[in-house]
Amino acid sequence: RCCCTNLALINAFSAYPDWLEPKMSADFPFEQKFIDVYHGSNKSYTAYYELGPSDSNDVLILLHGVPTWGYYWRNVAPMISEQIPNVRIIVPDLMGMGRSGKPGGDYRMDFQAAYLKSFLDEMGLDKFYWFGHDWGGILGHLLAGENPERFHALGAYEVMFKPFRNYSELTPSLVDAFKLARDPDNEDLRREADLFLTGMFEELPELSIPGPEHDYYSQPFPAYEKGWMATTVLGTESPIGGEPADNLERYMAAYENLQLEAEAERVKLFLITHDPGWNMPLRRVPEFIQD
């Protein structure tokens, strides 16, 4: 139904409904696959898993955000596959996160976008649907604005679709965390602890209890150089108050182009939000819809 308009908006439920609770599992029963990817002359690999027929022309990309990996979609992907069995669902890990490679590099937005585009090219994915959480949505938005011919539709949950003009536009609970993570004087602190993973465990205390979910979320990030450098860097790349300036320029160019594509209904947009919201507070939704 959402494909009949250029934007569909859903306010998510705040707790699992009764019918959904029994389907939730901490298990990760998927076959992990790997494919070589490139950024200029640099080579690494992307980890991913998939469900559905591998020869299907209907492809859905599910991309995680910070500080998670493909495990995030372990319950969502099978439910979509059950409801729409003819769709090929592909769930990759961002570079430096999950079980993907951890090559040398700065792990900034441009770095991740380059490896993601290489992943799509190496997988031979010419046109697809995309749904992302957090940075999975931001990077999807960036790539859709720059390569709209490859996107049937772009969906996202808890995503910064439009850069924040200042810190007052953030959800209050995020302000201190973002300032702490972005302060150059805190480099030692960033190397001592995975600030974003620790923050997720504090926001969702049930995940901080030792057990399968805690272990799965923690395993890919054992040390700064081997995991959480990627989450720490990317987690501070969202343009706020005009910085980082290079990200803002590239992202806004993609944003404005995607506006034109959405208005012409060449790319459909699908946004899920909740109250109060983190990266997309409800008070910002009317502005996004107006754009």
C-alpha atoms as a PDB file:
ATOM      1  CA  ARG A   1       0.000   0.000   0.000  1.00  0.00           C
ATOM      2  CA  CYS A   2       2.869   2.395   0.757  1.00  0.00           C
ATOM      3  CA  CYS A   3       4.003   2.311  -2.860  1.00  0.00           C
ATOM      4  CA  CYS A   4       0.937   4.351  -3.910  1.00  0.00           C
ATOM      5  CA  THR A   5       2.397   7.534  -2.444  1.00  0.00           C
ATOM      6  CA  ASN A   6       5.849   9.038  -2.262  1.00  0.00           C
ATOM      7  CA  LEU A   7       6.035   8.801   1.545  1.00  0.00           C
ATOM      8  CA  ALA A   8       4.507   6.416   4.051  1.00  0.00           C
ATOM      9  CA  LEU A   9       4.833   7.059   7.790  1.00  0.00           C
ATOM     10  CA  ILE A  10       4.212   4.607  10.621  1.00  0.00           C
ATOM     11  CA  ASN A  11       4.433   5.276  14.348  1.00  0.00           C
ATOM     12  CA  ALA A  12       5.913   2.075  15.775  1.00  0.00           C
ATOM     13  CA  PHE A  13       4.476   0.186  18.721  1.00  0.00           C
ATOM     14  CA  SER A  14       6.342   0.645  22.005  1.00  0.00           C
ATOM     15  CA  ALA A  15       6.269  -3.024  23.044  1.00  0.00           C
ATOM     16  CA  TYR A  16       5.957  -6.374  21.306  1.00  0.00           C
ATOM     17  CA  PRO A  17       2.294  -7.239  20.640  1.00  0.00           C
ATOM     18  CA  ASP A  18       1.109 -10.599  21.966  1.00  0.00           C
ATOM     19  CA  TRP A  19       1.257 -12.265  18.553  1.00  0.00           C
ATOM     20  CA  LEU A  20       4.874 -11.256  18.021  1.00  0.00           C
ATOM     21  CA  GLU A  21       6.467 -12.130  21.369  1.00  0.00           C
ATOM     22  CA  PRO A  22       6.647 -15.931  20.751  1.00  0.00           C
ATOM     23  CA  LYS A  23       8.521 -15.340  17.489  1.00  0.00           C
ATOM     24  CA  MET A  24      11.380 -13.437  19.131  1.00  0.00           C
ATOM     25  CA  SER A  25      14.618 -15.392  19.557  1.00  0.00           C
ATOM     26  CA  ALA A  26      18.213 -14.710  20.562  1.00  0.00           C
ATOM     27  CA  ASP A  27      19.501 -17.404  18.184  1.00  0.00           C
ATOM     28  CA  PHE A  28      21.510 -16.690  15.041  1.00  0.00           C
ATOM     29  CA  PRO A  29      20.934 -19.744  12.822  1.00  0.00           C
ATOM     30  CA  PHE A  30      22.044 -18.235   9.512  1.00  0.00           C
ATOM     31  CA  GLU A  31      24.849 -19.315   7.185  1.00  0.00           C
ATOM     32  CA  GLN A  32      27.377 -16.496   7.096  1.00  0.00           C
ATOM     33  CA  LYS A  33      28.668 -15.672   3.634  1.00  0.00           C
ATOM     34  CA  PHE A  34      31.535 -13.446   2.518  1.00  0.00           C
ATOM     35  CA  ILE A  35      32.324 -11.493  -0.635  1.00  0.00           C
ATOM     36  CA  ASP A  36      35.349  -9.393  -1.626  1.00  0.00           C
ATOM     37  CA  VAL A  37      34.753  -5.637  -1.751  1.00  0.00           C
ATOM     38  CA  TYR A  38      36.900  -2.710  -2.810  1.00  0.00           C
ATOM     39  CA  HIS A  39      37.595   0.918  -1.966  1.00  0.00           C
ATOM     40  CA  GLY A  40      39.916   2.212  -4.652  1.00  0.00           C
ATOM     41  CA  SER A  41      42.919  -0.118  -4.622  1.00  0.00           C
ATOM     42  CA  ASN A  42      42.082  -1.423  -1.145  1.00  0.00           C
ATOM     43  CA  LYS A  43      40.440  -4.824  -0.805  1.00  0.00           C
ATOM     44  CA  SER A  44      38.495  -6.327   2.078  1.00  0.00           C
ATOM     45  CA  TYR A  45      35.363  -8.450   2.496  1.00  0.00           C
ATOM     46  CA  THR A  46      31.751  -7.986   3.556  1.00  0.00           C
ATOM     47  CA  ALA A  47      29.946 -10.563   5.663  1.00  0.00           C
ATOM     48  CA  TYR A  48      26.278 -11.155   4.950  1.00  0.00           C
ATOM     49  CA  TYR A  49      23.493 -13.700   5.161  1.00  0.00           C
ATOM     50  CA  GLU A  50      20.450 -14.113   2.991  1.00  0.00           C
ATOM     51  CA  LEU A  51      17.018 -15.683   2.885  1.00  0.00           C
ATOM     52  CA  GLY A  52      14.636 -16.442   0.037  1.00  0.00           C
ATOM     53  CA  PRO A  53      15.307 -17.505  -3.546  1.00  0.00           C
ATOM     54  CA  SER A  54      18.776 -16.435  -4.690  1.00  0.00           C
ATOM     55  CA  ASP A  55      17.559 -15.910  -8.275  1.00  0.00           C
ATOM     56  CA  SER A  56      14.700 -13.573  -7.353  1.00  0.00           C
ATOM     57  CA  ASN A  57      14.634 -10.141  -8.989  1.00  0.00           C
ATOM     58  CA  ASP A  58      12.859  -8.758  -5.924  1.00  0.00           C
ATOM     59  CA  VAL A  59      15.697  -7.927  -3.537  1.00  0.00           C
ATOM     60  CA  LEU A  60      15.457  -6.347  -0.086  1.00  0.00           C
ATOM     61  CA  ILE A  61      18.570  -5.041   1.682  1.00  0.00           C
ATOM     62  CA  LEU A  62      18.363  -4.845   5.488  1.00  0.00           C
ATOM     63  CA  LEU A  63      21.204  -2.770   6.932  1.00  0.00           C
ATOM     64  CA  HIS A  64      21.968  -2.301  10.617  1.00  0.00           C
ATOM     65  CA  GLY A  65      23.205   0.848  12.348  1.00  0.00           C
ATOM     66  CA  VAL A  66      25.608   1.746  15.164  1.00  0.00           C
ATOM     67  CA  PRO A  67      26.626  -0.147  17.291  1.00  0.00           C
ATOM     68  CA  THR A  68      25.178  -3.395  15.952  1.00  0.00           C
ATOM     69  CA  TRP A  69      25.582  -5.805  13.030  1.00  0.00           C
ATOM     70  CA  GLY A  70      23.466  -8.215  10.966  1.00  0.00           C
ATOM     71  CA  TYR A  71      22.392 -10.001  14.139  1.00  0.00           C
ATOM     72  CA  TYR A  72      20.050  -7.044  14.682  1.00  0.00           C
ATOM     73  CA  TRP A  73      17.735  -8.387  11.928  1.00  0.00           C
ATOM     74  CA  ARG A  74      17.739 -12.041  13.057  1.00  0.00           C
ATOM     75  CA  ASN A  75      13.998 -12.001  13.868  1.00  0.00           C
ATOM     76  CA  VAL A  76      12.856  -9.481  11.284  1.00  0.00           C
ATOM     77  CA  ALA A  77      14.355 -11.128   8.200  1.00  0.00           C
ATOM     78  CA  PRO A  78      12.690 -14.552   8.737  1.00  0.00           C
ATOM     79  CA  MET A  79       9.297 -12.930   9.389  1.00  0.00           C
ATOM     80  CA  ILE A  80       9.515 -10.943   6.160  1.00  0.00           C
ATOM     81  CA  SER A  81      10.623 -14.056   4.292  1.00  0.00           C
ATOM     82  CA  GLU A  82       7.682 -15.975   5.741  1.00  0.00           C
ATOM     83  CA  GLN A  83       5.212 -13.310   4.635  1.00  0.00           C
ATOM     84  CA  ILE A  84       6.807 -12.633   1.218  1.00  0.00           C
ATOM     85  CA  PRO A  85       8.570 -15.886   0.246  1.00  0.00           C
ATOM     86  CA  ASN A  86       9.496 -14.765  -3.269  1.00  0.00           C
ATOM     87  CA  VAL A  87      11.743 -11.918  -1.997  1.00  0.00           C
ATOM     88  CA  ARG A  88      15.502 -12.342  -1.697  1.00  0.00           C
ATOM     89  CA  ILE A  89      16.570 -10.743   1.595  1.00  0.00           C
ATOM     90  CA  ILE A  90      20.228  -9.772   2.005  1.00  0.00           C
ATOM     91  CA  VAL A  91      21.628  -8.698   5.377  1.00  0.00           C
ATOM     92  CA  PRO A  92      25.206  -7.332   5.261  1.00  0.00           C
ATOM     93  CA  ASP A  93      27.514  -6.084   8.006  1.00  0.00           C
ATOM     94  CA  LEU A  94      29.048  -2.636   7.632  1.00  0.00           C
ATOM     95  CA  MET A  95      32.802  -2.515   7.235  1.00  0.00           C
ATOM     96  CA  GLY A  96      34.613  -2.985  10.544  1.00  0.00           C
ATOM     97  CA  MET A  97      31.431  -4.215  12.224  1.00  0.00           C
ATOM     98  CA  GLY A  98      30.015  -7.653  12.799  1.00  0.00           C
ATOM     99  CA  ARG A  99      31.915 -10.259  10.840  1.00  0.00           C
ATOM    100  CA  SER A 100      32.944  -8.018   7.944  1.00  0.00           C
ATOM    101  CA  GLY A 101      36.591  -7.181   7.363  1.00  0.00           C
ATOM    102  CA  LYS A 102      38.385  -4.584   9.433  1.00  0.00           C
ATOM    103  CA  PRO A 103      40.763  -2.976   6.916  1.00  0.00           C
ATOM    104  CA  GLY A 104      42.867   0.087   7.479  1.00  0.00           C
ATOM    105  CA  GLY A 105      41.084   3.360   6.899  1.00  0.00           C
ATOM    106  CA  ASP A 106      39.291   6.200   8.632  1.00  0.00           C
ATOM    107  CA  TYR A 107      35.850   4.470   8.837  1.00  0.00           C
ATOM    108  CA  ARG A 108      34.068   7.731   8.082  1.00  0.00           C
ATOM    109  CA  MET A 109      30.860   8.098   6.072  1.00  0.00           C
ATOM    110  CA  ASP A 110      32.655   8.196   2.693  1.00  0.00           C
ATOM    111  CA  PHE A 111      34.645   5.074   3.616  1.00  0.00           C
ATOM    112  CA  GLN A 112      31.518   3.090   4.526  1.00  0.00           C
ATOM    113  CA  ALA A 113      29.574   4.336   1.496  1.00  0.00           C
ATOM    114  CA  ALA A 114      32.366   3.302  -0.883  1.00  0.00           C
ATOM    115  CA  TYR A 115      32.543  -0.241   0.480  1.00  0.00           C
ATOM    116  CA  LEU A 116      28.744  -0.511   0.500  1.00  0.00           C
ATOM    117  CA  LYS A 117      28.503   0.486  -3.149  1.00  0.00           C
ATOM    118  CA  SER A 118      31.211  -2.043  -3.944  1.00  0.00           C
ATOM    119  CA  PHE A 119      29.193  -4.700  -2.117  1.00  0.00           C
ATOM    120  CA  LEU A 120      26.117  -3.925  -4.230  1.00  0.00           C
ATOM    121  CA  ASP A 121      28.225  -4.019  -7.406  1.00  0.00           C
ATOM    122  CA  GLU A 122      30.034  -7.259  -6.541  1.00  0.00           C
ATOM    123  CA  MET A 123      26.710  -8.911  -5.626  1.00  0.00           C
ATOM    124  CA  GLY A 124      25.325  -7.870  -9.012  1.00  0.00           C
ATOM    125  CA  LEU A 125      22.399  -6.005  -7.424  1.00  0.00           C
ATOM    126  CA  ASP A 126      21.145  -3.535 -10.014  1.00  0.00           C
ATOM    127  CA  LYS A 127      17.813  -2.593  -8.385  1.00  0.00           C
ATOM    128  CA  PHE A 128      16.460  -3.286  -4.925  1.00  0.00           C
ATOM    129  CA  TYR A 129      14.420  -2.243  -1.913  1.00  0.00           C
ATOM    130  CA  TRP A 130      16.335  -0.957   1.111  1.00  0.00           C
ATOM    131  CA  PHE A 131      15.411  -0.732   4.762  1.00  0.00           C
ATOM    132  CA  GLY A 132      17.897   0.544   7.323  1.00  0.00           C
ATOM    133  CA  HIS A 133      18.105   1.288  11.011  1.00  0.00           C
ATOM    134  CA  ASP A 134      20.113   4.286  12.224  1.00  0.00           C
ATOM    135  CA  TRP A 135      23.227   4.546  10.011  1.00  0.00           C
ATOM    136  CA  GLY A 136      21.827   1.764   7.845  1.00  0.00           C
ATOM    137  CA  GLY A 137      19.144   4.271   6.898  1.00  0.00           C
ATOM    138  CA  ILE A 138      21.501   7.240   6.619  1.00  0.00           C
ATOM    139  CA  LEU A 139      23.824   5.394   4.240  1.00  0.00           C
ATOM    140  CA  GLY A 140      20.830   4.087   2.314  1.00  0.00           C
ATOM    141  CA  HIS A 141      19.548   7.649   2.008  1.00  0.00           C
ATOM    142  CA  LEU A 142      22.956   8.814   0.783  1.00  0.00           C
ATOM    143  CA  LEU A 143      23.252   6.063  -1.825  1.00  0.00           C
ATOM    144  CA  ALA A 144      19.630   6.508  -2.946  1.00  0.00           C
ATOM    145  CA  GLY A 145      20.206  10.222  -3.491  1.00  0.00           C
ATOM    146  CA  GLU A 146      23.333   9.514  -5.521  1.00  0.00           C
ATOM    147  CA  ASN A 147      22.114   6.373  -7.325  1.00  0.00           C
ATOM    148  CA  PRO A 148      18.306   6.663  -7.445  1.00  0.00           C
ATOM    149  CA  GLU A 149      18.031   4.423 -10.493  1.00  0.00           C
ATOM    150  CA  ARG A 150      19.012   1.442  -8.303  1.00  0.00           C
ATOM    151  CA  PHE A 151      16.325   1.958  -5.658  1.00  0.00           C
ATOM    152  CA  HIS A 152      12.705   0.846  -5.901  1.00  0.00           C
ATOM    153  CA  ALA A 153      12.095   2.205  -2.417  1.00  0.00           C
ATOM    154  CA  LEU A 154      13.965   3.349   0.682  1.00  0.00           C
ATOM    155  CA  GLY A 155      12.696   2.649   4.179  1.00  0.00           C
ATOM    156  CA  ALA A 156      14.217   3.510   7.532  1.00  0.00           C
ATOM    157  CA  TYR A 157      13.670   3.408  11.265  1.00  0.00           C
ATOM    158  CA  GLU A 158      15.296   5.776  13.763  1.00  0.00           C
ATOM    159  CA  VAL A 159      17.311   7.568  11.114  1.00  0.00           C
ATOM    160  CA  MET A 160      18.643  11.091  10.716  1.00  0.00           C
ATOM    161  CA  PHE A 161      17.123  11.834   7.321  1.00  0.00           C
ATOM    162  CA  LYS A 162      17.942  15.535   7.601  1.00  0.00           C
ATOM    163  CA  PRO A 163      21.053  16.875   9.399  1.00  0.00           C
ATOM    164  CA  PHE A 164      20.580  18.533  12.775  1.00  0.00           C
ATOM    165  CA  ARG A 165      21.103  22.304  12.675  1.00  0.00           C
ATOM    166  CA  ASN A 166      22.229  22.312  16.315  1.00  0.00           C
ATOM    167  CA  TYR A 167      22.292  20.117  19.415  1.00  0.00           C
ATOM    168  CA  SER A 168      18.918  21.437  20.610  1.00  0.00           C
ATOM    169  CA  GLU A 169      17.254  19.454  17.798  1.00  0.00           C
ATOM    170  CA  LEU A 170      18.523  16.169  19.240  1.00  0.00           C
ATOM    171  CA  THR A 171      16.559  14.126  21.722  1.00  0.00           C
ATOM    172  CA  PRO A 172      17.832  15.428  25.107  1.00  0.00           C
ATOM    173  CA  SER A 173      19.123  12.022  26.231  1.00  0.00           C
ATOM    174  CA  LEU A 174      21.491  11.943  23.233  1.00  0.00           C
ATOM    175  CA  VAL A 175      23.086  15.363  23.607  1.00  0.00           C
ATOM    176  CA  ASP A 176      25.663  14.510  26.287  1.00  0.00           C
ATOM    177  CA  ALA A 177      26.547  11.218  24.600  1.00  0.00           C
ATOM    178  CA  PHE A 178      27.174  12.873  21.230  1.00  0.00           C
ATOM    179  CA  LYS A 179      29.219  15.693  22.744  1.00  0.00           C
ATOM    180  CA  LEU A 180      31.292  13.192  24.725  1.00  0.00           C
ATOM    181  CA  ALA A 181      31.957  11.013  21.692  1.00  0.00           C
ATOM    182  CA  ARG A 182      32.810  13.945  19.404  1.00  0.00           C
ATOM    183  CA  ASP A 183      35.116  15.830  21.780  1.00  0.00           C
ATOM    184  CA  PRO A 184      38.707  15.453  20.469  1.00  0.00           C
ATOM    185  CA  ASP A 185      39.976  15.596  24.052  1.00  0.00           C
ATOM    186  CA  ASN A 186      38.273  12.249  24.736  1.00  0.00           C
ATOM    187  CA  GLU A 187      40.405  10.153  22.388  1.00  0.00           C
ATOM    188  CA  ASP A 188      41.785   8.060  25.272  1.00  0.00           C
ATOM    189  CA  LEU A 189      38.271   7.422  26.567  1.00  0.00           C
ATOM    190  CA  ARG A 190      37.105   6.281  23.137  1.00  0.00           C
ATOM    191  CA  ARG A 191      39.936   3.754  23.048  1.00  0.00           C
ATOM    192  CA  GLU A 192      39.167   2.454  26.538  1.00  0.00           C
ATOM    193  CA  ALA A 193      35.476   1.695  26.020  1.00  0.00           C
ATOM    194  CA  ASP A 194      32.978   1.149  23.242  1.00  0.00           C
ATOM    195  CA  LEU A 195      30.890   4.208  24.088  1.00  0.00           C
ATOM    196  CA  PHE A 196      28.014   3.418  21.754  1.00  0.00           C
ATOM    197  CA  LEU A 197      27.702  -0.265  22.680  1.00  0.00           C
ATOM    198  CA  THR A 198      27.901   0.653  26.370  1.00  0.00           C
ATOM    199  CA  GLY A 199      25.240   3.292  25.774  1.00  0.00           C
ATOM    200  CA  MET A 200      22.968   0.770  24.062  1.00  0.00           C
ATOM    201  CA  PHE A 201      23.277  -1.602  27.010  1.00  0.00           C
ATOM    202  CA  GLU A 202      22.416   1.259  29.384  1.00  0.00           C
ATOM    203  CA  GLU A 203      19.347   2.222  27.340  1.00  0.00           C
ATOM    204  CA  LEU A 204      18.277  -1.433  27.014  1.00  0.00           C
ATOM    205  CA  PRO A 205      19.319  -3.012  30.335  1.00  0.00           C
ATOM    206  CA  GLU A 206      17.910  -6.397  29.381  1.00  0.00           C
ATOM    207  CA  LEU A 207      20.751  -6.678  26.839  1.00  0.00           C
ATOM    208  CA  SER A 208      23.393  -5.963  29.494  1.00  0.00           C
ATOM    209  CA  ILE A 209      22.605  -9.216  31.294  1.00  0.00           C
ATOM    210  CA  PRO A 210      25.095 -11.966  30.326  1.00  0.00           C
ATOM    211  CA  GLY A 211      23.433 -14.283  27.850  1.00  0.00           C
ATOM    212  CA  PRO A 212      23.090 -14.993  24.123  1.00  0.00           C
ATOM    213  CA  GLU A 213      21.935 -11.503  23.053  1.00  0.00           C
ATOM    214  CA  HIS A 214      24.603  -9.714  25.084  1.00  0.00           C
ATOM    215  CA  ASP A 215      27.264 -12.070  23.752  1.00  0.00           C
ATOM    216  CA  TYR A 216      26.186 -11.823  20.124  1.00  0.00           C
ATOM    217  CA  TYR A 217      26.132  -8.031  20.235  1.00  0.00           C
ATOM    218  CA  SER A 218      29.525  -7.885  21.984  1.00  0.00           C
ATOM    219  CA  GLN A 219      31.517 -10.592  20.165  1.00  0.00           C
ATOM    220  CA  PRO A 220      32.400  -8.625  17.002  1.00  0.00           C
ATOM    221  CA  PHE A 221      33.809  -5.716  19.013  1.00  0.00           C
ATOM    222  CA  PRO A 222      36.564  -7.104  21.278  1.00  0.00           C
ATOM    223  CA  ALA A 223      38.914  -4.109  21.061  1.00  0.00           C
ATOM    224  CA  TYR A 224      39.198  -0.618  19.594  1.00  0.00           C
ATOM    225  CA  GLU A 225      41.233  -1.571  16.523  1.00  0.00           C
ATOM    226  CA  LYS A 226      39.175  -4.734  15.970  1.00  0.00           C
ATOM    227  CA  GLY A 227      35.691  -3.364  16.046  1.00  0.00           C
ATOM    228  CA  TRP A 228      34.580  -0.425  18.030  1.00  0.00           C
ATOM    229  CA  MET A 229      36.766   2.061  16.162  1.00  0.00           C
ATOM    230  CA  ALA A 230      34.211   1.604  13.352  1.00  0.00           C
ATOM    231  CA  THR A 231      31.221   2.251  15.601  1.00  0.00           C
ATOM    232  CA  THR A 232      32.925   5.111  17.447  1.00  0.00           C
ATOM    233  CA  VAL A 233      33.917   6.933  14.260  1.00  0.00           C
ATOM    234  CA  LEU A 234      30.690   6.384  12.335  1.00  0.00           C
ATOM    235  CA  GLY A 235      28.619   7.219  15.406  1.00  0.00           C
ATOM    236  CA  THR A 236      30.098  10.729  15.363  1.00  0.00           C
ATOM    237  CA  GLU A 237      29.708  11.322  11.618  1.00  0.00           C
ATOM    238  CA  SER A 238      26.120  12.625  11.693  1.00  0.00           C
ATOM    239  CA  PRO A 239      26.194  16.296  10.649  1.00  0.00           C
ATOM    240  CA  ILE A 240      25.288  18.478  13.636  1.00  0.00           C
ATOM    241  CA  GLY A 241      25.618  22.249  13.516  1.00  0.00           C
ATOM    242  CA  GLY A 242      27.317  22.066  10.118  1.00  0.00           C
ATOM    243  CA  GLU A 243      30.030  19.630  11.190  1.00  0.00           C
ATOM    244  CA  PRO A 244      31.590  17.563   9.725  1.00  0.00           C
ATOM    245  CA  ALA A 245      31.330  20.030   6.843  1.00  0.00           C
ATOM    246  CA  ASP A 246      32.301  17.522   4.126  1.00  0.00           C
ATOM    247  CA  ASN A 247      29.599  15.105   5.264  1.00  0.00           C
ATOM    248  CA  LEU A 248      27.020  17.878   5.343  1.00  0.00           C
ATOM    249  CA  GLU A 249      27.800  18.967   1.777  1.00  0.00           C
ATOM    250  CA  ARG A 250      27.645  15.458   0.327  1.00  0.00           C
ATOM    251  CA  TYR A 251      24.625  14.399   2.348  1.00  0.00           C
ATOM    252  CA  MET A 252      22.547  17.497   1.555  1.00  0.00           C
ATOM    253  CA  ALA A 253      23.267  17.112  -2.167  1.00  0.00           C
ATOM    254  CA  ALA A 254      21.899  13.557  -1.938  1.00  0.00           C
ATOM    255  CA  TYR A 255      18.965  14.744   0.199  1.00  0.00           C
ATOM    256  CA  GLU A 256      17.928  17.378  -2.330  1.00  0.00           C
ATOM    257  CA  ASN A 257      18.211  14.968  -5.247  1.00  0.00           C
ATOM    258  CA  LEU A 258      16.177  12.347  -3.412  1.00  0.00           C
ATOM    259  CA  GLN A 259      13.478  14.987  -2.822  1.00  0.00           C
ATOM    260  CA  LEU A 260      13.104  15.312  -6.593  1.00  0.00           C
ATOM    261  CA  GLU A 261      13.070  11.535  -7.070  1.00  0.00           C
ATOM    262  CA  ALA A 262      10.413  11.099  -4.371  1.00  0.00           C
ATOM    263  CA  GLU A 263       8.242  13.913  -5.746  1.00  0.00           C
ATOM    264  CA  ALA A 264       8.329  12.231  -9.155  1.00  0.00           C
ATOM    265  CA  GLU A 265       7.518   8.900  -7.419  1.00  0.00           C
ATOM    266  CA  ARG A 266      10.570   7.260  -8.935  1.00  0.00           C
ATOM    267  CA  VAL A 267      11.762   6.307  -5.436  1.00  0.00           C
ATOM    268  CA  LYS A 268       9.254   5.553  -2.671  1.00  0.00           C
ATOM    269  CA  LEU A 269      10.042   6.524   0.927  1.00  0.00           C
ATOM    270  CA  PHE A 270       8.908   4.648   4.014  1.00  0.00           C
ATOM    271  CA  LEU A 271       9.654   5.948   7.507  1.00  0.00           C
ATOM    272  CA  ILE A 272       8.952   4.299  10.852  1.00  0.00           C
ATOM    273  CA  THR A 273       9.291   6.500  13.918  1.00  0.00           C
ATOM    274  CA  HIS A 274       8.336   6.399  17.576  1.00  0.00           C
ATOM    275  CA  ASP A 275       7.875   8.741  20.496  1.00  0.00           C
ATOM    276  CA  PRO A 276      10.086  10.389  21.633  1.00  0.00           C
ATOM    277  CA  GLY A 277      12.462   9.083  18.994  1.00  0.00           C
ATOM    278  CA  TRP A 278      16.252   9.449  18.987  1.00  0.00           C
ATOM    279  CA  ASN A 279      17.632  10.186  15.521  1.00  0.00           C
ATOM    280  CA  MET A 280      14.214  11.205  14.179  1.00  0.00           C
ATOM    281  CA  PRO A 281      12.312  12.864  17.054  1.00  0.00           C
ATOM    282  CA  LEU A 282       8.609  13.144  16.294  1.00  0.00           C
ATOM    283  CA  ARG A 283       8.801  16.930  16.304  1.00  0.00           C
ATOM    284  CA  ARG A 284      11.061  16.779  13.218  1.00  0.00           C
ATOM    285  CA  VAL A 285       8.739  14.532  11.215  1.00  0.00           C
ATOM    286  CA  PRO A 286       6.471  17.366   9.915  1.00  0.00           C
ATOM    287  CA  GLU A 287       9.516  19.178   8.523  1.00  0.00           C
ATOM    288  CA  PHE A 288      10.693  16.036   6.770  1.00  0.00           C
ATOM    289  CA  ILE A 289       7.230  15.394   5.313  1.00  0.00           C
ATOM    290  CA  GLN A 290       7.044  18.997   4.102  1.00  0.00           C
ATOM    291  CA  ASP A 291      10.424  18.639   2.373  1.00  0.00           C
END
